[in-house]
Amino acid sequence: MKYVSDSFRTEPTRFWEISPETWRLIVDTNVNGPFFMARCAAPLMIRARWGRIINISVSRETMRRRGFSPYGPSKAALESETIVWSQELAGTGVTVNALLPGGATRTGMVPDGVSDEVRSRLLDPEVVVPPLLWLISKDADPITGMRIVANQWRADLSAREAAQAAAEPAGC
């Protein structure tokens, strides 16, 4: 969203005020980029009878949030890709899931000028590491078409139990 406006958090930009170039940049990154990567990798993974496609998503609230075009709609499209691809790859040994931090995260996408107080409340990007490592493991073989919410992953549980606590069906 920082490409739409540095003040998107306090002054939402309406979709018709977004330049077509910015719209394309975000849609290309969040929808077309994963498509081209998965399209290239899927045949190799199918031949190997094993593979993982993990799409990085966001909360459903962000997908629907006023002033969050095109970011929210692009992530909703990515979740749709997750569902469709998981169905199309069923039985091949390749799984497709969405992984999301579970809230606003301290990344390079946070615009300059965000106060230290606000920045301190952002999730550490490493929150996705434990569920990501599980998703790429053989233990995650039966999991496909799901979204894993990283900040709901519980380190005090076994990986399988933590996954159950953090999983919900993909889709917006």
N, C-alpha and C. Protein backbone atom coordinates (compact mmCIF):
# COMPACT_ATOMS: atom_id res chain seq x y z
N MET A 1 0.81 -1.21 0.00
CA MET A 1 0.00 0.00 0.00
C MET A 1 0.85 1.26 0.00
N LYS A 2 2.11 1.16 0.40
CA LYS A 2 2.94 2.37 0.39
C LYS A 2 3.12 2.90 -1.03
N TYR A 3 2.93 2.05 -2.04
CA TYR A 3 3.02 2.52 -3.42
C TYR A 3 1.78 3.29 -3.84
N VAL A 4 0.68 3.05 -3.13
CA VAL A 4 -0.55 3.80 -3.40
C VAL A 4 -0.46 5.17 -2.75
N SER A 5 -0.07 5.18 -1.47
CA SER A 5 0.00 6.44 -0.73
C SER A 5 0.75 6.22 0.57
N ASP A 6 1.62 7.16 0.93
CA ASP A 6 2.32 7.06 2.22
C ASP A 6 1.36 7.22 3.39
N SER A 7 0.22 7.83 3.15
CA SER A 7 -0.74 8.08 4.24
C SER A 7 -1.96 7.16 4.16
N PHE A 8 -1.79 5.99 3.55
CA PHE A 8 -2.94 5.10 3.35
C PHE A 8 -3.60 4.69 4.66
N ARG A 9 -2.86 4.68 5.76
CA ARG A 9 -3.42 4.24 7.04
C ARG A 9 -4.38 5.29 7.62
N THR A 10 -4.15 6.55 7.33
CA THR A 10 -4.98 7.61 7.90
C THR A 10 -5.89 8.28 6.87
N GLU A 11 -5.50 8.22 5.60
CA GLU A 11 -6.27 8.84 4.53
C GLU A 11 -6.46 7.81 3.42
N PRO A 12 -7.49 6.96 3.53
CA PRO A 12 -7.67 5.91 2.52
C PRO A 12 -7.83 6.49 1.11
N THR A 13 -7.15 5.85 0.18
CA THR A 13 -7.25 6.23 -1.23
C THR A 13 -8.39 5.44 -1.85
N ARG A 14 -9.26 6.13 -2.56
CA ARG A 14 -10.36 5.44 -3.25
C ARG A 14 -9.83 4.82 -4.53
N PHE A 15 -10.42 3.69 -4.92
CA PHE A 15 -9.86 2.93 -6.04
C PHE A 15 -9.73 3.75 -7.31
N TRP A 16 -10.62 4.67 -7.56
CA TRP A 16 -10.55 5.44 -8.81
C TRP A 16 -9.45 6.50 -8.77
N GLU A 17 -8.84 6.70 -7.61
CA GLU A 17 -7.75 7.66 -7.48
C GLU A 17 -6.37 7.01 -7.67
N ILE A 18 -6.35 5.69 -7.82
CA ILE A 18 -5.09 4.95 -7.97
C ILE A 18 -4.68 4.93 -9.43
N SER A 19 -3.42 5.20 -9.68
CA SER A 19 -2.97 5.18 -11.07
C SER A 19 -3.01 3.75 -11.60
N PRO A 20 -3.30 3.60 -12.90
CA PRO A 20 -3.28 2.26 -13.49
C PRO A 20 -1.91 1.58 -13.33
N GLU A 21 -0.83 2.35 -13.36
CA GLU A 21 0.51 1.76 -13.21
C GLU A 21 0.69 1.15 -11.82
N THR A 22 0.21 1.85 -10.79
CA THR A 22 0.30 1.33 -9.43
C THR A 22 -0.58 0.10 -9.27
N TRP A 23 -1.78 0.16 -9.83
CA TRP A 23 -2.69 -1.00 -9.79
C TRP A 23 -1.99 -2.23 -10.39
N ARG A 24 -1.43 -2.04 -11.59
CA ARG A 24 -0.76 -3.15 -12.27
C ARG A 24 0.43 -3.68 -11.48
N LEU A 25 1.21 -2.80 -10.90
CA LEU A 25 2.37 -3.21 -10.10
C LEU A 25 1.95 -4.15 -8.97
N ILE A 26 0.92 -3.78 -8.24
CA ILE A 26 0.49 -4.58 -7.10
C ILE A 26 -0.17 -5.88 -7.55
N VAL A 27 -1.01 -5.82 -8.57
CA VAL A 27 -1.65 -7.04 -9.08
C VAL A 27 -0.60 -7.96 -9.70
N ASP A 28 0.35 -7.40 -10.43
CA ASP A 28 1.41 -8.23 -11.00
C ASP A 28 2.21 -8.94 -9.89
N THR A 29 2.47 -8.23 -8.81
CA THR A 29 3.24 -8.82 -7.71
C THR A 29 2.45 -9.89 -6.97
N ASN A 30 1.20 -9.61 -6.64
CA ASN A 30 0.44 -10.49 -5.75
C ASN A 30 -0.41 -11.54 -6.45
N VAL A 31 -0.70 -11.37 -7.72
CA VAL A 31 -1.54 -12.34 -8.45
C VAL A 31 -0.74 -13.00 -9.56
N ASN A 32 -0.17 -12.19 -10.45
CA ASN A 32 0.52 -12.74 -11.60
C ASN A 32 1.86 -13.38 -11.23
N GLY A 33 2.60 -12.78 -10.32
CA GLY A 33 3.89 -13.35 -9.90
C GLY A 33 3.74 -14.77 -9.36
N PRO A 34 2.85 -14.99 -8.39
CA PRO A 34 2.65 -16.37 -7.91
C PRO A 34 2.18 -17.32 -9.01
N PHE A 35 1.31 -16.83 -9.92
CA PHE A 35 0.86 -17.67 -11.02
C PHE A 35 2.04 -18.12 -11.88
N PHE A 36 2.88 -17.19 -12.31
CA PHE A 36 3.99 -17.55 -13.18
C PHE A 36 4.98 -18.48 -12.48
N MET A 37 5.23 -18.25 -11.20
CA MET A 37 6.13 -19.13 -10.46
C MET A 37 5.53 -20.53 -10.33
N ALA A 38 4.26 -20.61 -9.93
CA ALA A 38 3.61 -21.91 -9.76
C ALA A 38 3.48 -22.62 -11.11
N ARG A 39 3.17 -21.89 -12.14
CA ARG A 39 3.03 -22.48 -13.47
C ARG A 39 4.34 -23.13 -13.91
N CYS A 40 5.44 -22.50 -13.60
CA CYS A 40 6.75 -23.03 -13.97
C CYS A 40 7.12 -24.25 -13.10
N ALA A 41 6.82 -24.18 -11.81
CA ALA A 41 7.24 -25.23 -10.88
C ALA A 41 6.31 -26.44 -10.86
N ALA A 42 5.03 -26.25 -11.11
CA ALA A 42 4.06 -27.34 -10.96
C ALA A 42 4.40 -28.57 -11.78
N PRO A 43 4.73 -28.46 -13.06
CA PRO A 43 5.04 -29.68 -13.82
C PRO A 43 6.20 -30.48 -13.23
N LEU A 44 7.22 -29.78 -12.74
CA LEU A 44 8.36 -30.46 -12.12
C LEU A 44 7.94 -31.16 -10.83
N MET A 45 7.14 -30.48 -10.02
CA MET A 45 6.68 -31.08 -8.77
C MET A 45 5.75 -32.26 -9.05
N ILE A 46 4.89 -32.14 -10.06
CA ILE A 46 3.99 -33.25 -10.41
C ILE A 46 4.80 -34.47 -10.84
N ARG A 47 5.83 -34.25 -11.65
CA ARG A 47 6.69 -35.37 -12.07
C ARG A 47 7.37 -36.01 -10.86
N ALA A 48 7.75 -35.19 -9.89
CA ALA A 48 8.41 -35.70 -8.68
C ALA A 48 7.41 -36.32 -7.70
N ARG A 49 6.13 -36.12 -7.96
CA ARG A 49 5.04 -36.60 -7.10
C ARG A 49 5.09 -35.98 -5.69
N TRP A 50 5.69 -34.80 -5.59
CA TRP A 50 5.76 -34.10 -4.31
C TRP A 50 6.17 -32.66 -4.54
N GLY A 51 5.55 -31.78 -3.81
CA GLY A 51 5.95 -30.38 -3.88
C GLY A 51 5.04 -29.49 -3.05
N ARG A 52 5.46 -28.27 -2.90
CA ARG A 52 4.72 -27.31 -2.09
C ARG A 52 4.63 -25.97 -2.80
N ILE A 53 3.43 -25.45 -2.84
CA ILE A 53 3.20 -24.07 -3.27
C ILE A 53 2.62 -23.37 -2.05
N ILE A 54 3.30 -22.35 -1.60
CA ILE A 54 2.86 -21.61 -0.41
C ILE A 54 2.72 -20.15 -0.80
N ASN A 55 1.49 -19.68 -0.79
CA ASN A 55 1.18 -18.30 -1.14
C ASN A 55 1.11 -17.46 0.13
N ILE A 56 1.70 -16.30 0.11
CA ILE A 56 1.70 -15.42 1.28
C ILE A 56 0.48 -14.51 1.18
N SER A 57 -0.39 -14.62 2.18
CA SER A 57 -1.66 -13.92 2.15
C SER A 57 -1.76 -12.92 3.31
N VAL A 58 -2.96 -12.41 3.50
CA VAL A 58 -3.24 -11.44 4.57
C VAL A 58 -4.58 -11.78 5.21
N SER A 59 -4.92 -11.05 6.24
CA SER A 59 -6.19 -11.28 6.91
C SER A 59 -7.36 -10.98 5.98
N ARG A 60 -8.46 -11.62 6.24
CA ARG A 60 -9.66 -11.36 5.44
C ARG A 60 -10.11 -9.91 5.60
N GLU A 61 -9.91 -9.35 6.78
CA GLU A 61 -10.29 -7.95 7.01
C GLU A 61 -9.49 -7.02 6.09
N THR A 62 -8.20 -7.32 5.90
CA THR A 62 -7.39 -6.49 5.02
C THR A 62 -7.86 -6.61 3.57
N MET A 63 -8.30 -7.80 3.16
CA MET A 63 -8.79 -7.98 1.80
C MET A 63 -10.01 -7.11 1.53
N ARG A 64 -10.79 -6.84 2.57
CA ARG A 64 -12.06 -6.13 2.41
C ARG A 64 -12.01 -4.69 2.92
N ARG A 65 -10.88 -4.26 3.40
CA ARG A 65 -10.77 -2.97 4.07
C ARG A 65 -10.89 -1.80 3.10
N ARG A 66 -11.71 -0.86 3.45
CA ARG A 66 -11.88 0.37 2.67
C ARG A 66 -10.51 1.03 2.50
N GLY A 67 -10.24 1.46 1.27
CA GLY A 67 -8.99 2.15 1.01
C GLY A 67 -7.81 1.22 0.76
N PHE A 68 -8.04 -0.08 0.71
CA PHE A 68 -6.94 -1.03 0.52
C PHE A 68 -6.92 -1.65 -0.87
N SER A 69 -7.48 -0.94 -1.86
CA SER A 69 -7.35 -1.37 -3.24
C SER A 69 -6.02 -0.83 -3.76
N PRO A 70 -5.33 -1.59 -4.53
CA PRO A 70 -5.61 -2.93 -5.04
C PRO A 70 -5.05 -4.05 -4.18
N TYR A 71 -4.39 -3.71 -3.06
CA TYR A 71 -3.74 -4.73 -2.24
C TYR A 71 -4.72 -5.79 -1.75
N GLY A 72 -5.81 -5.37 -1.13
CA GLY A 72 -6.79 -6.33 -0.61
C GLY A 72 -7.38 -7.22 -1.70
N PRO A 73 -7.90 -6.63 -2.78
CA PRO A 73 -8.42 -7.48 -3.85
C PRO A 73 -7.37 -8.41 -4.46
N SER A 74 -6.12 -7.96 -4.53
CA SER A 74 -5.09 -8.84 -5.11
C SER A 74 -4.82 -10.03 -4.21
N LYS A 75 -4.89 -9.84 -2.90
CA LYS A 75 -4.69 -10.95 -1.98
C LYS A 75 -5.91 -11.87 -1.97
N ALA A 76 -7.10 -11.32 -2.18
CA ALA A 76 -8.30 -12.17 -2.32
C ALA A 76 -8.16 -13.05 -3.56
N ALA A 77 -7.64 -12.49 -4.65
CA ALA A 77 -7.40 -13.28 -5.85
C ALA A 77 -6.36 -14.37 -5.59
N LEU A 78 -5.33 -14.05 -4.82
CA LEU A 78 -4.31 -15.04 -4.49
C LEU A 78 -4.92 -16.19 -3.67
N GLU A 79 -5.82 -15.88 -2.77
CA GLU A 79 -6.48 -16.94 -2.00
C GLU A 79 -7.36 -17.79 -2.91
N SER A 80 -7.98 -17.18 -3.90
CA SER A 80 -8.75 -17.94 -4.87
C SER A 80 -7.82 -18.87 -5.66
N GLU A 81 -6.66 -18.34 -6.06
CA GLU A 81 -5.68 -19.19 -6.73
C GLU A 81 -5.31 -20.37 -5.84
N THR A 82 -5.14 -20.12 -4.56
CA THR A 82 -4.79 -21.18 -3.61
C THR A 82 -5.82 -22.30 -3.63
N ILE A 83 -7.09 -21.92 -3.58
CA ILE A 83 -8.17 -22.92 -3.57
C ILE A 83 -8.21 -23.67 -4.90
N VAL A 84 -8.22 -22.95 -6.00
CA VAL A 84 -8.33 -23.57 -7.32
C VAL A 84 -7.13 -24.49 -7.58
N TRP A 85 -5.93 -23.99 -7.33
CA TRP A 85 -4.74 -24.80 -7.59
C TRP A 85 -4.70 -26.04 -6.71
N SER A 86 -5.13 -25.92 -5.45
CA SER A 86 -5.13 -27.11 -4.58
C SER A 86 -6.06 -28.17 -5.13
N GLN A 87 -7.18 -27.76 -5.70
CA GLN A 87 -8.11 -28.72 -6.30
C GLN A 87 -7.51 -29.34 -7.56
N GLU A 88 -6.89 -28.52 -8.38
CA GLU A 88 -6.33 -29.01 -9.63
C GLU A 88 -5.12 -29.92 -9.42
N LEU A 89 -4.44 -29.75 -8.29
CA LEU A 89 -3.26 -30.57 -7.99
C LEU A 89 -3.58 -31.74 -7.06
N ALA A 90 -4.84 -31.88 -6.68
CA ALA A 90 -5.24 -32.97 -5.77
C ALA A 90 -4.77 -34.31 -6.35
N GLY A 91 -4.19 -35.12 -5.49
CA GLY A 91 -3.75 -36.45 -5.88
C GLY A 91 -2.40 -36.51 -6.55
N THR A 92 -1.73 -35.37 -6.71
CA THR A 92 -0.42 -35.35 -7.38
C THR A 92 0.74 -35.39 -6.40
N GLY A 93 0.46 -35.19 -5.12
CA GLY A 93 1.54 -35.06 -4.14
C GLY A 93 1.98 -33.63 -3.92
N VAL A 94 1.38 -32.71 -4.66
CA VAL A 94 1.70 -31.28 -4.55
C VAL A 94 0.59 -30.61 -3.76
N THR A 95 0.96 -29.86 -2.74
CA THR A 95 -0.04 -29.14 -1.95
C THR A 95 0.07 -27.65 -2.21
N VAL A 96 -1.04 -26.97 -1.99
CA VAL A 96 -1.10 -25.51 -2.16
C VAL A 96 -1.80 -24.94 -0.94
N ASN A 97 -1.11 -24.06 -0.23
CA ASN A 97 -1.68 -23.44 0.96
C ASN A 97 -1.30 -21.97 1.00
N ALA A 98 -2.04 -21.23 1.81
CA ALA A 98 -1.74 -19.82 2.05
C ALA A 98 -1.19 -19.69 3.46
N LEU A 99 -0.19 -18.86 3.61
CA LEU A 99 0.40 -18.57 4.91
C LEU A 99 0.33 -17.07 5.12
N LEU A 100 -0.15 -16.66 6.26
CA LEU A 100 -0.21 -15.24 6.56
C LEU A 100 0.29 -14.97 7.96
N PRO A 101 0.90 -13.82 8.18
CA PRO A 101 1.43 -13.51 9.51
C PRO A 101 0.34 -13.45 10.58
N GLY A 102 -0.81 -12.90 10.24
CA GLY A 102 -1.88 -12.77 11.23
C GLY A 102 -2.06 -11.35 11.73
N GLY A 103 -1.48 -10.42 11.05
CA GLY A 103 -1.61 -9.01 11.41
C GLY A 103 -0.57 -8.19 10.67
N ALA A 104 -0.63 -6.90 10.88
CA ALA A 104 0.34 -6.00 10.25
C ALA A 104 1.74 -6.41 10.69
N THR A 105 2.66 -6.46 9.73
CA THR A 105 3.99 -7.01 9.97
C THR A 105 5.06 -6.00 9.61
N ARG A 106 6.13 -6.01 10.37
CA ARG A 106 7.25 -5.09 10.18
C ARG A 106 8.06 -5.55 8.97
N THR A 107 7.73 -5.00 7.81
CA THR A 107 8.44 -5.33 6.57
C THR A 107 8.83 -4.05 5.87
N GLY A 108 9.50 -4.20 4.75
CA GLY A 108 9.87 -3.04 3.94
C GLY A 108 8.68 -2.36 3.31
N MET A 109 7.50 -2.97 3.42
CA MET A 109 6.30 -2.37 2.85
C MET A 109 5.66 -1.35 3.79
N VAL A 110 6.14 -1.28 5.03
CA VAL A 110 5.61 -0.28 5.96
C VAL A 110 6.18 1.08 5.54
N PRO A 111 5.31 2.05 5.29
CA PRO A 111 5.81 3.34 4.79
C PRO A 111 6.64 4.08 5.82
N ASP A 112 7.54 4.91 5.32
CA ASP A 112 8.30 5.80 6.19
C ASP A 112 7.31 6.72 6.90
N GLY A 113 7.70 7.17 8.06
CA GLY A 113 6.84 8.09 8.79
C GLY A 113 5.92 7.42 9.78
N VAL A 114 5.88 6.08 9.79
CA VAL A 114 5.06 5.38 10.79
C VAL A 114 5.77 5.55 12.13
N SER A 115 5.02 5.95 13.13
CA SER A 115 5.62 6.24 14.44
C SER A 115 6.26 5.00 15.05
N ASP A 116 7.23 5.21 15.92
CA ASP A 116 7.88 4.10 16.62
C ASP A 116 6.86 3.33 17.46
N GLU A 117 5.89 4.05 18.00
CA GLU A 117 4.86 3.40 18.82
C GLU A 117 4.04 2.43 17.97
N VAL A 118 3.64 2.85 16.78
CA VAL A 118 2.89 1.98 15.87
C VAL A 118 3.79 0.84 15.39
N ARG A 119 5.01 1.17 15.00
CA ARG A 119 5.96 0.16 14.51
C ARG A 119 6.21 -0.92 15.56
N SER A 120 6.22 -0.55 16.84
CA SER A 120 6.47 -1.53 17.91
C SER A 120 5.33 -2.54 18.04
N ARG A 121 4.15 -2.21 17.55
CA ARG A 121 3.01 -3.14 17.63
C ARG A 121 2.94 -4.10 16.45
N LEU A 122 3.78 -3.88 15.45
CA LEU A 122 3.77 -4.73 14.27
C LEU A 122 4.40 -6.09 14.58
N LEU A 123 3.91 -7.12 13.91
CA LEU A 123 4.46 -8.46 14.10
C LEU A 123 5.87 -8.55 13.52
N ASP A 124 6.70 -9.34 14.17
CA ASP A 124 8.02 -9.65 13.63
C ASP A 124 7.82 -10.58 12.44
N PRO A 125 8.44 -10.32 11.29
CA PRO A 125 8.25 -11.19 10.13
C PRO A 125 8.61 -12.65 10.39
N GLU A 126 9.45 -12.90 11.37
CA GLU A 126 9.85 -14.28 11.68
C GLU A 126 8.72 -15.11 12.25
N VAL A 127 7.57 -14.48 12.52
CA VAL A 127 6.42 -15.21 13.04
C VAL A 127 6.00 -16.32 12.06
N VAL A 128 6.31 -16.15 10.78
CA VAL A 128 5.90 -17.14 9.78
C VAL A 128 6.84 -18.34 9.70
N VAL A 129 8.01 -18.27 10.33
CA VAL A 129 9.01 -19.33 10.15
C VAL A 129 8.54 -20.69 10.68
N PRO A 130 8.06 -20.83 11.92
CA PRO A 130 7.65 -22.17 12.37
C PRO A 130 6.56 -22.81 11.50
N PRO A 131 5.47 -22.10 11.16
CA PRO A 131 4.49 -22.75 10.29
C PRO A 131 5.01 -23.00 8.88
N LEU A 132 5.89 -22.14 8.39
CA LEU A 132 6.47 -22.35 7.06
C LEU A 132 7.30 -23.63 7.04
N LEU A 133 8.13 -23.81 8.05
CA LEU A 133 8.95 -25.02 8.11
C LEU A 133 8.08 -26.27 8.19
N TRP A 134 6.97 -26.17 8.91
CA TRP A 134 6.07 -27.32 8.98
C TRP A 134 5.41 -27.56 7.62
N LEU A 135 4.94 -26.48 6.97
CA LEU A 135 4.26 -26.63 5.67
C LEU A 135 5.15 -27.29 4.62
N ILE A 136 6.45 -27.08 4.68
CA ILE A 136 7.33 -27.68 3.68
C ILE A 136 7.77 -29.09 4.08
N SER A 137 7.34 -29.56 5.23
CA SER A 137 7.74 -30.89 5.69
C SER A 137 6.79 -31.97 5.17
N LYS A 138 7.23 -33.21 5.26
CA LYS A 138 6.39 -34.35 4.88
C LYS A 138 5.18 -34.46 5.80
N ASP A 139 5.29 -33.96 7.04
CA ASP A 139 4.16 -34.02 7.97
C ASP A 139 2.95 -33.26 7.45
N ALA A 140 3.17 -32.30 6.57
CA ALA A 140 2.08 -31.48 6.03
C ALA A 140 1.48 -32.07 4.76
N ASP A 141 1.88 -33.28 4.39
CA ASP A 141 1.38 -33.89 3.15
C ASP A 141 -0.14 -33.83 2.99
N PRO A 142 -0.93 -34.09 4.04
CA PRO A 142 -2.39 -34.08 3.82
C PRO A 142 -3.03 -32.70 3.80
N ILE A 143 -2.26 -31.65 4.06
CA ILE A 143 -2.83 -30.30 4.18
C ILE A 143 -2.72 -29.57 2.85
N THR A 144 -3.87 -29.22 2.28
CA THR A 144 -3.89 -28.45 1.05
C THR A 144 -5.18 -27.63 1.00
N GLY A 145 -5.12 -26.48 0.35
CA GLY A 145 -6.28 -25.60 0.27
C GLY A 145 -6.60 -24.91 1.59
N MET A 146 -5.59 -24.77 2.44
CA MET A 146 -5.80 -24.16 3.75
C MET A 146 -5.03 -22.84 3.83
N ARG A 147 -5.40 -22.08 4.85
CA ARG A 147 -4.62 -20.89 5.19
C ARG A 147 -4.13 -21.11 6.61
N ILE A 148 -2.88 -20.84 6.83
CA ILE A 148 -2.26 -21.00 8.13
C ILE A 148 -1.95 -19.60 8.65
N VAL A 149 -2.52 -19.29 9.82
CA VAL A 149 -2.35 -17.96 10.42
C VAL A 149 -1.20 -18.06 11.43
N ALA A 150 -0.07 -17.49 11.06
CA ALA A 150 1.17 -17.70 11.81
C ALA A 150 1.10 -17.27 13.27
N ASN A 151 0.44 -16.16 13.57
CA ASN A 151 0.43 -15.72 14.96
C ASN A 151 -0.52 -16.55 15.82
N GLN A 152 -1.19 -17.53 15.23
CA GLN A 152 -2.00 -18.47 15.99
C GLN A 152 -1.28 -19.81 16.19
N TRP A 153 -0.07 -19.92 15.65
CA TRP A 153 0.76 -21.11 15.80
C TRP A 153 1.25 -21.15 17.24
N ARG A 154 1.05 -22.27 17.90
CA ARG A 154 1.42 -22.39 19.32
C ARG A 154 2.63 -23.28 19.48
N ALA A 155 3.72 -22.68 19.94
CA ALA A 155 4.98 -23.40 20.12
C ALA A 155 4.89 -24.45 21.23
N ASP A 156 3.89 -24.32 22.12
CA ASP A 156 3.76 -25.27 23.22
C ASP A 156 3.06 -26.57 22.80
N LEU A 157 2.64 -26.65 21.54
CA LEU A 157 1.96 -27.83 21.03
C LEU A 157 2.88 -28.57 20.05
N SER A 158 2.53 -29.82 19.77
CA SER A 158 3.24 -30.52 18.70
C SER A 158 2.96 -29.77 17.40
N ALA A 159 3.80 -29.97 16.40
CA ALA A 159 3.62 -29.26 15.13
C ALA A 159 2.25 -29.55 14.53
N ARG A 160 1.81 -30.79 14.58
CA ARG A 160 0.50 -31.14 14.01
C ARG A 160 -0.63 -30.42 14.77
N GLU A 161 -0.54 -30.39 16.10
CA GLU A 161 -1.56 -29.69 16.91
C GLU A 161 -1.49 -28.18 16.68
N ALA A 162 -0.28 -27.64 16.56
CA ALA A 162 -0.12 -26.21 16.29
C ALA A 162 -0.73 -25.86 14.94
N ALA A 163 -0.53 -26.73 13.96
CA ALA A 163 -1.10 -26.50 12.64
C ALA A 163 -2.62 -26.50 12.71
N GLN A 164 -3.18 -27.44 13.45
CA GLN A 164 -4.64 -27.49 13.58
C GLN A 164 -5.17 -26.21 14.23
N ALA A 165 -4.44 -25.69 15.21
CA ALA A 165 -4.86 -24.47 15.90
C ALA A 165 -4.77 -23.25 14.99
N ALA A 166 -3.85 -23.28 14.02
CA ALA A 166 -3.61 -22.11 13.17
C ALA A 166 -4.27 -22.21 11.79
N ALA A 167 -4.91 -23.33 11.48
CA ALA A 167 -5.42 -23.57 10.12
C ALA A 167 -6.90 -23.24 10.00
N GLU A 168 -7.25 -22.76 8.84
CA GLU A 168 -8.64 -22.55 8.45
C GLU A 168 -8.71 -22.68 6.94
N PRO A 169 -9.86 -22.97 6.39
CA PRO A 169 -9.95 -23.10 4.93
C PRO A 169 -9.57 -21.80 4.23
N ALA A 170 -8.89 -21.92 3.12
CA ALA A 170 -8.52 -20.75 2.33
C ALA A 170 -9.76 -20.14 1.71
N GLY A 171 -9.65 -18.91 1.31
CA GLY A 171 -10.75 -18.21 0.67
C GLY A 171 -11.16 -17.01 1.48
N CYS A 172 -11.71 -16.07 0.78
CA CYS A 172 -12.09 -14.84 1.47
C CYS A 172 -13.58 -14.77 1.57
